[in-house]
Protein backbone atom coordinates (compact mmCIF):
# COMPACT_ATOMS: atom_id res chain seq x y z
CA UNK A 1 163.42 252.26 -51.02
CA UNK A 2 161.00 253.29 -48.22
CA UNK A 3 160.82 251.30 -44.96
CA UNK A 4 157.24 250.20 -45.77
CA UNK A 5 158.20 248.92 -49.26
CA UNK A 6 160.76 246.94 -47.45
CA UNK A 7 158.60 245.74 -44.46
CA UNK A 8 155.96 244.40 -47.41
CA UNK A 9 159.22 242.69 -49.30
CA UNK A 10 160.37 241.03 -46.24
CA UNK A 11 157.62 240.15 -43.68
CA UNK A 12 154.58 238.32 -44.99
CA UNK A 13 151.86 240.26 -43.69
CA UNK A 14 148.33 241.20 -45.66
CA UNK A 15 146.81 243.94 -43.08
CA UNK A 16 148.24 247.58 -44.44
CA UNK A 17 147.73 248.81 -40.78
CA UNK A 18 150.30 246.46 -39.57
CA UNK A 19 152.83 246.93 -42.29
CA UNK A 20 152.73 250.60 -41.52
CA UNK A 21 153.12 249.79 -37.95
CA UNK A 22 156.19 247.67 -38.33
CA UNK A 23 157.51 250.26 -40.78
CA UNK A 24 156.99 252.98 -37.98
CA UNK A 25 159.46 251.12 -35.81
CA UNK A 26 161.69 249.29 -38.24
CA UNK A 27 165.33 251.01 -38.71
CA UNK A 28 167.34 250.07 -41.63
CA UNK A 29 171.07 249.53 -41.14
CA UNK A 30 174.14 249.27 -43.02
CA UNK A 31 176.76 247.06 -42.21
CA UNK A 32 180.24 247.02 -43.25
CA UNK A 33 182.22 243.60 -43.80
CA UNK A 34 183.66 242.82 -40.28
CA UNK A 35 180.99 244.14 -38.14
CA UNK A 36 179.07 242.48 -35.46
CA UNK A 37 175.30 242.87 -35.60
CA UNK A 38 175.91 241.34 -32.05
CA UNK A 39 178.27 239.48 -30.31
CA UNK A 40 178.00 236.33 -27.94
CA UNK A 41 176.86 237.53 -24.26
CA UNK A 42 174.79 240.49 -26.12
CA UNK A 43 171.44 241.20 -25.57
CA UNK A 44 169.28 240.38 -28.80
CA UNK A 45 166.91 243.69 -28.37
CA UNK A 46 165.90 243.87 -31.83
CA UNK A 47 164.62 241.24 -34.56
CA UNK A 48 167.41 241.36 -37.54
CA UNK A 49 166.01 240.79 -40.97
CA UNK A 50 168.47 240.32 -43.71
CA UNK A 51 167.70 242.46 -46.63
CA UNK A 52 170.88 242.02 -48.75
CA UNK A 53 174.69 240.91 -48.05
CA UNK A 54 176.12 237.86 -46.00
CA UNK A 55 176.31 237.07 -42.43
CA UNK A 56 177.96 234.51 -40.30
CA UNK A 57 176.22 233.27 -37.01
CA UNK A 58 178.76 231.54 -34.79
CA UNK A 59 179.12 230.50 -31.17
CA UNK A 60 182.01 230.02 -28.66
CA UNK A 61 182.89 226.36 -27.81
CA UNK A 62 184.49 225.18 -24.35
CA UNK A 63 188.15 225.84 -25.69
CA UNK A 64 187.20 229.63 -26.75
CA UNK A 65 187.35 228.46 -30.31
CA UNK A 66 184.99 230.52 -32.78
CA UNK A 67 182.81 227.82 -34.54
CA UNK A 68 180.36 228.89 -37.28
CA UNK A 69 176.62 227.67 -36.83
CA UNK A 70 175.69 229.06 -40.26
CA UNK A 71 175.89 231.41 -42.95
CA UNK A 72 172.99 233.96 -44.11
CA UNK A 73 172.38 235.01 -47.73
CA UNK A 74 168.90 234.90 -48.49
CA UNK A 75 166.62 237.85 -48.36
CA UNK A 76 163.96 237.74 -45.35
CA UNK A 77 166.07 235.40 -43.18
CA UNK A 78 166.00 236.23 -39.66
CA UNK A 79 169.24 236.40 -37.75
CA UNK A 80 168.05 235.85 -34.09
CA UNK A 81 167.83 232.71 -32.34
CA UNK A 82 164.27 231.60 -31.15
CA UNK A 83 164.46 232.22 -27.53
CA UNK A 84 164.65 236.06 -28.23
CA UNK A 85 161.08 235.85 -28.27
CA UNK A 86 160.54 234.04 -24.98
CA UNK A 87 163.25 236.31 -23.19
CA UNK A 88 161.91 239.54 -24.62
CA UNK A 89 165.76 240.27 -25.54
CA UNK A 90 166.73 240.10 -21.99
CA UNK A 91 168.97 237.09 -22.30
CA UNK A 92 172.49 237.08 -23.08
CA UNK A 93 172.79 235.56 -26.46
CA UNK A 94 174.86 232.43 -27.08
CA UNK A 95 175.51 233.13 -30.47
CA UNK A 96 176.79 236.33 -32.18
CA UNK A 97 176.27 237.54 -36.25
CA UNK A 98 179.27 238.73 -37.92
CA UNK A 99 178.89 240.41 -41.28
CA UNK A 100 180.88 238.90 -44.24
CA UNK A 101 179.94 241.23 -46.92
CA UNK A 102 178.53 244.46 -46.70
CA UNK A 103 174.83 243.87 -45.34
CA UNK A 104 171.64 245.83 -45.33
CA UNK A 105 169.56 244.64 -42.33
CA UNK A 106 166.10 245.68 -41.30
CA UNK A 107 165.77 245.99 -37.36
CA UNK A 108 162.58 246.13 -35.07
CA UNK A 109 162.36 246.32 -31.55
CA UNK A 110 161.84 243.01 -29.64
CA UNK A 111 159.30 244.15 -27.52
CA UNK A 112 157.27 246.05 -29.94
CA UNK A 113 156.99 242.65 -31.98
CA UNK A 114 155.80 241.14 -28.68
CA UNK A 115 153.38 243.57 -28.13
CA UNK A 116 151.81 243.48 -31.36
CA UNK A 117 151.81 239.70 -30.93
CA UNK A 118 149.73 240.03 -28.15
CA UNK A 119 147.14 242.68 -29.84
CA UNK A 120 146.81 241.43 -33.59
CA UNK A 121 146.31 237.48 -34.20
CA UNK A 122 147.98 237.61 -37.61
CA UNK A 123 151.06 238.73 -35.82
CA UNK A 124 150.94 235.26 -33.96
CA UNK A 125 150.83 233.77 -37.49
CA UNK A 126 154.23 235.78 -38.95
CA UNK A 127 155.88 234.44 -35.33
CA UNK A 128 155.02 230.62 -36.33
CA UNK A 129 155.57 231.39 -40.11
CA UNK A 130 159.17 232.62 -38.91
CA UNK A 131 159.91 229.76 -36.48
CA UNK A 132 158.68 227.52 -39.34
CA UNK A 133 161.25 229.04 -41.75
CA UNK A 134 163.87 229.23 -38.97
CA UNK A 135 163.45 225.16 -38.42
CA UNK A 136 163.34 224.57 -42.18
CA UNK A 137 166.83 226.38 -42.69
CA UNK A 138 168.42 224.53 -39.49
CA UNK A 139 167.05 221.24 -40.36
CA UNK A 140 168.46 221.52 -44.10
CA UNK A 141 171.92 222.39 -42.87
CA UNK A 142 172.04 219.83 -40.07
CA UNK A 143 170.70 216.99 -42.31
CA UNK A 144 173.81 217.44 -44.82
CA UNK A 145 176.47 218.32 -41.81
CA UNK A 146 175.31 215.06 -40.23
CA UNK A 147 174.91 212.36 -42.97
CA UNK A 148 176.87 213.23 -46.13
CA UNK A 149 181.02 212.56 -46.16
CA UNK A 150 183.49 215.75 -45.88
CA UNK A 151 183.76 215.89 -49.48
CA UNK A 152 180.03 215.91 -50.52
CA UNK A 153 179.24 218.11 -47.63
CA UNK A 154 181.33 220.71 -49.20
CA UNK A 155 180.25 220.08 -52.62
CA UNK A 156 176.64 220.93 -51.02
CA UNK A 157 178.39 223.66 -49.57
CA UNK A 158 179.34 225.06 -52.63
CA UNK A 159 176.14 224.77 -54.46
CA UNK A 160 173.91 226.33 -51.96
CA UNK A 161 176.54 229.35 -50.77
CA UNK A 162 178.99 229.57 -53.61
CA UNK A 163 179.37 233.31 -52.87
CA UNK A 164 180.35 232.38 -49.10
CA UNK A 165 182.94 229.86 -50.60
CA UNK A 166 184.69 232.69 -51.96
CA UNK A 167 185.25 235.21 -49.21
CA UNK A 168 185.08 232.89 -46.07
CA UNK A 169 188.11 231.82 -44.45
CA UNK A 170 189.42 228.16 -44.40
CA UNK A 171 188.24 228.38 -40.55
CA UNK A 172 184.98 229.57 -40.93
CA UNK A 173 184.01 227.13 -43.24
CA UNK A 174 185.73 224.14 -41.71
CA UNK A 175 184.09 224.51 -38.46
CA UNK A 176 180.61 224.99 -40.21
CA UNK A 177 180.99 221.76 -41.85
CA UNK A 178 182.96 219.98 -38.90
CA UNK A 179 185.98 218.74 -40.83
CA UNK A 180 189.43 219.93 -40.11
CA UNK A 181 191.22 222.76 -41.79
CA UNK A 182 193.65 220.94 -43.77
CA UNK A 183 191.21 218.40 -45.39
CA UNK A 184 188.62 221.56 -46.28
CA UNK A 185 192.25 223.16 -48.05
CA UNK A 186 192.72 220.11 -50.02
CA UNK A 187 189.16 220.05 -51.07
CA UNK A 188 189.15 223.65 -52.18
CA UNK A 189 192.43 223.20 -53.90
CA UNK A 190 190.87 220.09 -55.75
CA UNK A 191 187.75 222.48 -56.47
CA UNK A 192 190.12 225.19 -58.18
CA UNK A 193 192.20 222.77 -60.10
CA UNK A 194 188.82 221.07 -62.06
CA UNK A 195 187.85 224.74 -62.52
CA UNK A 196 190.96 225.46 -64.12
CA UNK A 197 190.96 222.33 -65.90
CA UNK A 198 194.24 221.09 -64.65
């Protein structure tokens, strides 16, 4: 698949000239499981748009513990924090992105995007669309984590990301759900027993 087709599939733009321009500056990268697209403290100099695979966003708390912020499996999700546009990719990131399953990611330089936003109104509309997408994604996650009890929250997690439940570690899922690893182990064990009819 050529870059233009990937951009057309990932980015809701109507102007073929803008799609061609983005495709010209875009790069398609393949990441292996365990690699980091960027780490805490790195500069987010590119916009990272997921094409395939599984990503985990995380931050480091005051105890230097790795805490999962979210998982990404849906094609078209942007693996950047919103301030990347305000800082033009020149502020150290407070989050990192790890590859949980081999991923293909479309990458476009932040400065190119900002320049195009200054020149083309449709690009500003794209920026608003991306912010809205990110806000909806985080709202869904935060509403479930804040208002559901641990067992129900884990049920929601398994429905939303069954493929993540199969490959992520107890620590990665437990820190995302805000429950203890021991509690998650019990929930996962109960789920396996039900699946096996035991």
